[in-house]
N, C-alpha and C. Protein backbone atom coordinates (compact mmCIF):
# COMPACT_ATOMS: atom_id res chain seq x y z
N MET A 1 2.71 15.05 -21.12
CA MET A 1 2.57 14.12 -20.21
C MET A 1 3.17 12.75 -20.35
N ILE A 2 3.72 12.20 -19.60
CA ILE A 2 4.40 10.80 -19.77
C ILE A 2 3.31 9.53 -19.36
N GLN A 3 2.92 8.78 -20.26
CA GLN A 3 2.04 7.79 -20.00
C GLN A 3 2.77 6.53 -19.95
N ILE A 4 2.57 5.75 -18.76
CA ILE A 4 3.23 4.38 -18.80
C ILE A 4 2.09 3.44 -18.68
N THR A 5 2.15 2.47 -19.37
CA THR A 5 1.24 1.37 -19.51
C THR A 5 1.84 0.14 -19.04
N ILE A 6 1.58 -0.49 -17.99
CA ILE A 6 2.16 -1.81 -17.42
C ILE A 6 1.29 -2.82 -17.90
N TYR A 7 1.78 -4.07 -18.48
CA TYR A 7 1.05 -5.00 -18.92
C TYR A 7 1.21 -6.19 -17.90
N LYS A 8 0.16 -6.84 -17.45
CA LYS A 8 0.08 -8.01 -16.59
C LYS A 8 -0.84 -9.13 -17.18
N ASN A 9 -0.33 -10.41 -17.00
CA ASN A 9 -1.22 -11.43 -17.52
C ASN A 9 -2.17 -11.89 -16.50
N LYS A 10 -2.85 -12.88 -16.78
CA LYS A 10 -3.99 -13.45 -15.95
C LYS A 10 -3.47 -13.99 -14.71
N LYS A 11 -2.13 -14.42 -14.69
CA LYS A 11 -1.52 -14.99 -13.57
C LYS A 11 -0.75 -13.86 -12.71
N HIS A 12 -1.13 -12.48 -13.19
CA HIS A 12 -0.59 -11.44 -12.48
C HIS A 12 0.86 -11.24 -12.55
N GLU A 13 1.34 -11.81 -13.52
CA GLU A 13 2.97 -11.61 -13.90
C GLU A 13 2.97 -10.36 -14.86
N TYR A 14 4.16 -9.74 -14.56
CA TYR A 14 4.38 -8.48 -15.36
C TYR A 14 4.92 -9.04 -16.73
N MET A 15 4.27 -8.56 -17.90
CA MET A 15 4.65 -8.90 -19.20
C MET A 15 5.50 -7.78 -20.02
N GLY A 16 5.46 -6.72 -19.42
CA GLY A 16 6.19 -5.63 -20.12
C GLY A 16 5.57 -4.25 -19.94
N PHE A 17 6.01 -3.27 -20.61
CA PHE A 17 5.51 -1.89 -20.42
C PHE A 17 5.71 -1.17 -21.52
N ASP A 18 4.83 -0.02 -21.63
CA ASP A 18 5.16 0.95 -22.72
C ASP A 18 5.27 2.43 -21.98
N VAL A 19 6.09 3.06 -22.48
CA VAL A 19 6.32 4.55 -21.97
C VAL A 19 6.11 5.39 -23.12
N ASP A 20 5.37 6.44 -23.01
CA ASP A 20 5.10 7.26 -24.18
C ASP A 20 4.90 8.81 -23.76
N GLY A 21 5.59 9.68 -24.50
CA GLY A 21 5.46 11.12 -24.31
C GLY A 21 6.65 11.57 -23.57
N HIS A 22 6.60 12.95 -23.31
CA HIS A 22 7.49 13.76 -22.53
C HIS A 22 6.64 14.36 -21.44
N ALA A 23 7.36 14.61 -20.41
CA ALA A 23 6.64 15.21 -19.22
C ALA A 23 6.21 16.56 -19.45
N GLY A 24 7.08 17.45 -20.10
CA GLY A 24 6.69 18.83 -20.16
C GLY A 24 6.77 19.72 -18.92
N PHE A 25 7.44 19.10 -18.02
CA PHE A 25 7.81 19.79 -16.62
C PHE A 25 8.62 21.03 -16.99
N ASP A 26 9.67 20.92 -17.84
CA ASP A 26 10.62 22.01 -18.26
C ASP A 26 11.12 21.75 -19.60
N ASP A 27 11.82 22.69 -20.13
CA ASP A 27 12.35 22.68 -21.36
C ASP A 27 13.37 21.20 -21.59
N SER A 28 13.55 20.76 -22.78
CA SER A 28 14.23 19.60 -23.07
C SER A 28 15.69 19.90 -22.52
N GLY A 29 16.26 18.80 -21.66
CA GLY A 29 17.56 18.86 -21.14
C GLY A 29 17.44 19.44 -19.72
N HIS A 30 16.38 19.94 -19.42
CA HIS A 30 16.27 20.55 -17.91
C HIS A 30 14.96 19.86 -17.25
N ASP A 31 14.37 19.02 -17.91
CA ASP A 31 13.11 18.32 -17.40
C ASP A 31 13.53 17.15 -16.49
N ILE A 32 13.41 17.49 -15.12
CA ILE A 32 13.70 16.38 -14.28
C ILE A 32 12.73 15.33 -14.13
N VAL A 33 11.47 15.49 -14.42
CA VAL A 33 10.68 14.51 -14.43
C VAL A 33 10.82 13.37 -15.51
N CYS A 34 11.13 13.97 -16.81
CA CYS A 34 11.60 13.22 -17.78
C CYS A 34 12.95 12.39 -17.55
N ALA A 35 13.70 13.07 -16.84
CA ALA A 35 15.05 12.44 -16.65
C ALA A 35 14.85 11.34 -15.53
N ALA A 36 14.08 11.59 -14.54
CA ALA A 36 13.90 10.45 -13.70
C ALA A 36 13.18 9.26 -14.20
N VAL A 37 12.18 9.41 -14.96
CA VAL A 37 11.56 8.35 -15.65
C VAL A 37 12.45 7.70 -16.47
N SER A 38 13.15 8.41 -17.28
CA SER A 38 13.98 7.88 -18.30
C SER A 38 15.01 7.06 -17.60
N ALA A 39 15.74 7.49 -16.60
CA ALA A 39 16.72 6.60 -15.70
C ALA A 39 15.99 5.39 -15.19
N LEU A 40 14.97 5.45 -14.74
CA LEU A 40 14.28 4.21 -14.22
C LEU A 40 14.11 3.06 -15.20
N VAL A 41 13.58 3.64 -16.36
CA VAL A 41 13.13 2.82 -17.40
C VAL A 41 14.44 2.09 -18.11
N ILE A 42 15.37 2.89 -18.39
CA ILE A 42 16.63 2.50 -18.97
C ILE A 42 17.33 1.53 -18.16
N ASN A 43 17.38 2.05 -16.88
CA ASN A 43 18.17 1.05 -16.00
C ASN A 43 17.48 -0.29 -15.68
N THR A 44 16.15 -0.43 -15.81
CA THR A 44 15.15 -1.50 -15.61
C THR A 44 15.66 -2.42 -16.85
N ILE A 45 15.53 -1.76 -18.03
CA ILE A 45 15.79 -2.71 -19.28
C ILE A 45 17.09 -3.17 -19.20
N ASN A 46 18.11 -2.42 -18.91
CA ASN A 46 19.54 -2.83 -18.89
C ASN A 46 19.83 -3.84 -17.96
N SER A 47 19.20 -3.75 -16.67
CA SER A 47 19.26 -4.63 -15.56
C SER A 47 18.64 -6.07 -15.86
N VAL A 48 17.51 -6.08 -16.56
CA VAL A 48 16.94 -7.29 -16.92
C VAL A 48 17.86 -8.09 -18.06
N GLU A 49 18.37 -7.28 -18.95
CA GLU A 49 19.15 -7.83 -20.12
C GLU A 49 20.52 -8.46 -19.31
N ARG A 50 21.11 -7.53 -18.39
CA ARG A 50 22.42 -8.02 -17.82
C ARG A 50 22.36 -9.06 -16.75
N PHE A 51 21.33 -9.01 -15.92
CA PHE A 51 21.26 -9.94 -14.77
C PHE A 51 20.27 -11.04 -14.84
N THR A 52 19.66 -11.18 -15.79
CA THR A 52 18.75 -12.28 -16.02
C THR A 52 18.90 -12.99 -17.39
N SER A 53 18.34 -14.18 -17.62
CA SER A 53 18.49 -14.77 -18.77
C SER A 53 17.08 -14.59 -19.56
N ASP A 54 16.30 -13.85 -19.18
CA ASP A 54 14.92 -13.63 -19.76
C ASP A 54 14.98 -13.27 -21.16
N LYS A 55 14.22 -13.68 -22.12
CA LYS A 55 14.11 -13.26 -23.44
C LYS A 55 13.12 -12.05 -23.59
N THR A 56 13.70 -11.12 -24.22
CA THR A 56 12.81 -9.73 -24.09
C THR A 56 12.88 -9.09 -25.55
N SER A 57 11.98 -8.21 -25.72
CA SER A 57 12.04 -7.37 -26.91
C SER A 57 11.82 -5.87 -26.46
N SER A 58 12.62 -5.08 -27.06
CA SER A 58 12.39 -3.69 -26.74
C SER A 58 12.72 -2.77 -27.95
N VAL A 59 11.84 -1.77 -28.13
CA VAL A 59 11.92 -0.84 -29.10
C VAL A 59 11.85 0.63 -28.54
N SER A 60 12.63 1.49 -29.11
CA SER A 60 12.59 2.92 -28.53
C SER A 60 12.69 3.82 -29.56
N ASP A 61 12.00 5.16 -29.29
CA ASP A 61 12.26 6.21 -30.17
C ASP A 61 12.47 7.41 -29.18
N GLU A 62 13.59 7.89 -29.19
CA GLU A 62 13.97 8.88 -28.11
C GLU A 62 13.25 10.24 -28.38
N GLU A 63 13.20 10.58 -29.62
CA GLU A 63 12.63 11.81 -30.06
C GLU A 63 11.05 11.81 -29.78
N LYS A 64 10.29 10.73 -29.98
CA LYS A 64 8.90 10.60 -29.51
C LYS A 64 8.73 10.27 -27.98
N GLY A 65 9.92 9.92 -27.40
CA GLY A 65 9.80 9.54 -25.90
C GLY A 65 8.95 8.33 -25.77
N ARG A 66 9.27 7.35 -26.79
CA ARG A 66 8.52 6.14 -26.67
C ARG A 66 9.41 4.91 -26.45
N VAL A 67 9.01 4.01 -25.51
CA VAL A 67 9.77 2.79 -25.26
C VAL A 67 8.76 1.67 -25.05
N GLU A 68 8.98 0.64 -25.75
CA GLU A 68 8.06 -0.66 -25.71
C GLU A 68 9.01 -1.74 -25.39
N PHE A 69 8.59 -2.41 -24.06
CA PHE A 69 9.46 -3.41 -23.52
C PHE A 69 8.49 -4.63 -23.33
N ARG A 70 8.75 -5.83 -23.64
CA ARG A 70 8.18 -7.01 -23.51
C ARG A 70 8.91 -8.20 -23.13
N PHE A 71 8.34 -8.90 -22.18
CA PHE A 71 8.98 -10.38 -21.92
C PHE A 71 8.38 -11.24 -22.98
N LEU A 72 9.29 -12.11 -23.59
CA LEU A 72 8.77 -13.06 -24.69
C LEU A 72 8.20 -14.30 -24.18
N ASN A 73 8.44 -14.49 -22.70
CA ASN A 73 7.85 -15.61 -22.04
C ASN A 73 7.69 -15.04 -20.50
N SER A 74 7.14 -15.95 -19.64
CA SER A 74 6.84 -15.54 -18.29
C SER A 74 8.15 -15.00 -17.82
N PRO A 75 8.18 -14.07 -16.96
CA PRO A 75 9.55 -13.49 -16.58
C PRO A 75 9.86 -14.25 -15.28
N SER A 76 11.29 -14.23 -15.03
CA SER A 76 11.74 -14.98 -13.90
C SER A 76 11.58 -14.10 -12.76
N GLN A 77 11.64 -14.72 -11.54
CA GLN A 77 11.58 -13.94 -10.24
C GLN A 77 12.49 -12.68 -10.25
N ASP A 78 13.70 -12.84 -10.67
CA ASP A 78 14.52 -11.72 -10.73
C ASP A 78 14.15 -10.46 -11.62
N ALA A 79 13.69 -10.77 -12.89
CA ALA A 79 13.18 -9.82 -13.71
C ALA A 79 11.85 -9.21 -13.17
N GLU A 80 10.95 -10.07 -12.56
CA GLU A 80 9.76 -9.43 -11.97
C GLU A 80 10.13 -8.59 -10.82
N LEU A 81 11.18 -8.75 -10.10
CA LEU A 81 11.56 -7.93 -9.10
C LEU A 81 12.15 -6.64 -9.59
N LEU A 82 12.83 -6.58 -10.51
CA LEU A 82 13.43 -5.47 -11.31
C LEU A 82 12.42 -4.64 -11.71
N LEU A 83 11.33 -5.22 -12.36
CA LEU A 83 10.11 -4.49 -12.96
C LEU A 83 9.35 -3.92 -11.82
N LYS A 84 9.19 -4.55 -10.64
CA LYS A 84 8.53 -4.06 -9.45
C LYS A 84 9.22 -2.78 -8.91
N SER A 85 10.49 -2.86 -8.93
CA SER A 85 11.30 -1.75 -8.49
C SER A 85 11.12 -0.51 -9.29
N MET A 86 11.10 -0.72 -10.76
CA MET A 86 10.72 0.42 -11.57
C MET A 86 9.36 1.00 -11.42
N ILE A 87 8.48 0.13 -11.20
CA ILE A 87 7.11 0.55 -11.04
C ILE A 87 6.99 1.45 -9.66
N LEU A 88 7.83 0.96 -8.51
CA LEU A 88 7.69 1.65 -7.37
C LEU A 88 8.18 2.94 -7.53
N GLY A 89 9.28 3.10 -8.29
CA GLY A 89 9.96 4.42 -8.73
C GLY A 89 8.94 5.32 -9.35
N VAL A 90 8.28 4.89 -10.41
CA VAL A 90 7.46 5.76 -11.30
C VAL A 90 6.26 6.03 -10.48
N GLU A 91 5.69 5.22 -9.71
CA GLU A 91 4.53 5.40 -8.73
C GLU A 91 4.81 6.59 -7.74
N GLU A 92 6.20 6.49 -7.22
CA GLU A 92 6.44 7.66 -6.32
C GLU A 92 6.45 8.99 -7.08
N ILE A 93 6.90 9.02 -8.14
CA ILE A 93 6.83 10.27 -8.84
C ILE A 93 5.35 10.65 -9.16
N GLU A 94 4.51 9.68 -9.67
CA GLU A 94 3.03 9.98 -9.82
C GLU A 94 2.33 10.45 -8.42
N ASN A 95 2.69 9.87 -7.41
CA ASN A 95 2.10 10.09 -6.13
C ASN A 95 2.49 11.42 -5.61
N SER A 96 3.46 12.03 -5.95
CA SER A 96 3.90 13.38 -5.49
C SER A 96 3.05 14.54 -5.95
N ARG A 97 2.70 15.50 -5.06
CA ARG A 97 1.96 16.51 -5.34
C ARG A 97 2.51 17.38 -6.55
N GLU A 98 3.82 17.55 -6.52
CA GLU A 98 4.67 18.41 -7.31
C GLU A 98 4.58 17.84 -8.89
N TYR A 99 4.62 16.56 -8.95
CA TYR A 99 4.92 15.87 -10.16
C TYR A 99 3.73 15.18 -10.83
N ASP A 100 2.62 15.03 -10.04
CA ASP A 100 1.52 14.05 -10.39
C ASP A 100 0.87 14.50 -11.73
N SER A 101 0.90 15.62 -12.18
CA SER A 101 0.17 16.03 -13.32
C SER A 101 1.05 15.68 -14.58
N TYR A 102 2.25 15.17 -14.32
CA TYR A 102 3.21 15.04 -15.46
C TYR A 102 3.44 13.56 -15.78
N ILE A 103 2.78 12.81 -15.20
CA ILE A 103 2.89 11.22 -15.35
C ILE A 103 1.55 10.55 -15.00
N ASP A 104 1.32 9.50 -15.84
CA ASP A 104 0.08 8.88 -15.56
C ASP A 104 0.48 7.25 -15.97
N ILE A 105 -0.03 6.50 -14.91
CA ILE A 105 0.41 5.00 -15.03
C ILE A 105 -0.98 4.33 -15.07
N ILE A 106 -1.05 3.34 -16.04
CA ILE A 106 -2.17 2.47 -16.28
C ILE A 106 -1.61 1.04 -16.37
N PHE A 107 -2.50 0.15 -15.64
CA PHE A 107 -2.27 -1.26 -15.59
C PHE A 107 -3.35 -1.92 -16.55
N LYS A 108 -2.81 -2.80 -17.36
CA LYS A 108 -3.69 -3.59 -18.35
C LYS A 108 -3.35 -4.99 -18.15
N GLU A 109 -4.56 -5.83 -18.31
CA GLU A 109 -4.30 -7.13 -18.45
C GLU A 109 -4.12 -7.61 -19.92
N VAL A 110 -3.11 -8.44 -20.14
CA VAL A 110 -2.92 -8.91 -21.55
C VAL A 110 -3.07 -10.50 -21.64
């Protein structure tokens, strides 16, 4: 199962996220749930880096299916919108009957 933890501060700003694990929907290389989540996460990180001036930190371990992404300061409006778009995508996967048992999203205050 893929576990996604989204971090928000007391001002309800998104401060980052962790993605951990593999979906287990199918064999490696054929797992459409893992591929969908990976595409959303990687595109979000790349978009924040390319289209905003936000300072961030990211660490990944492809073998373990682990990504840690943090904003070092409060995110810009553009960065916040990009993160909301990723969250919408992964929530749609989590809310589908076919894939809901392969992904879990948790929101935590930091």
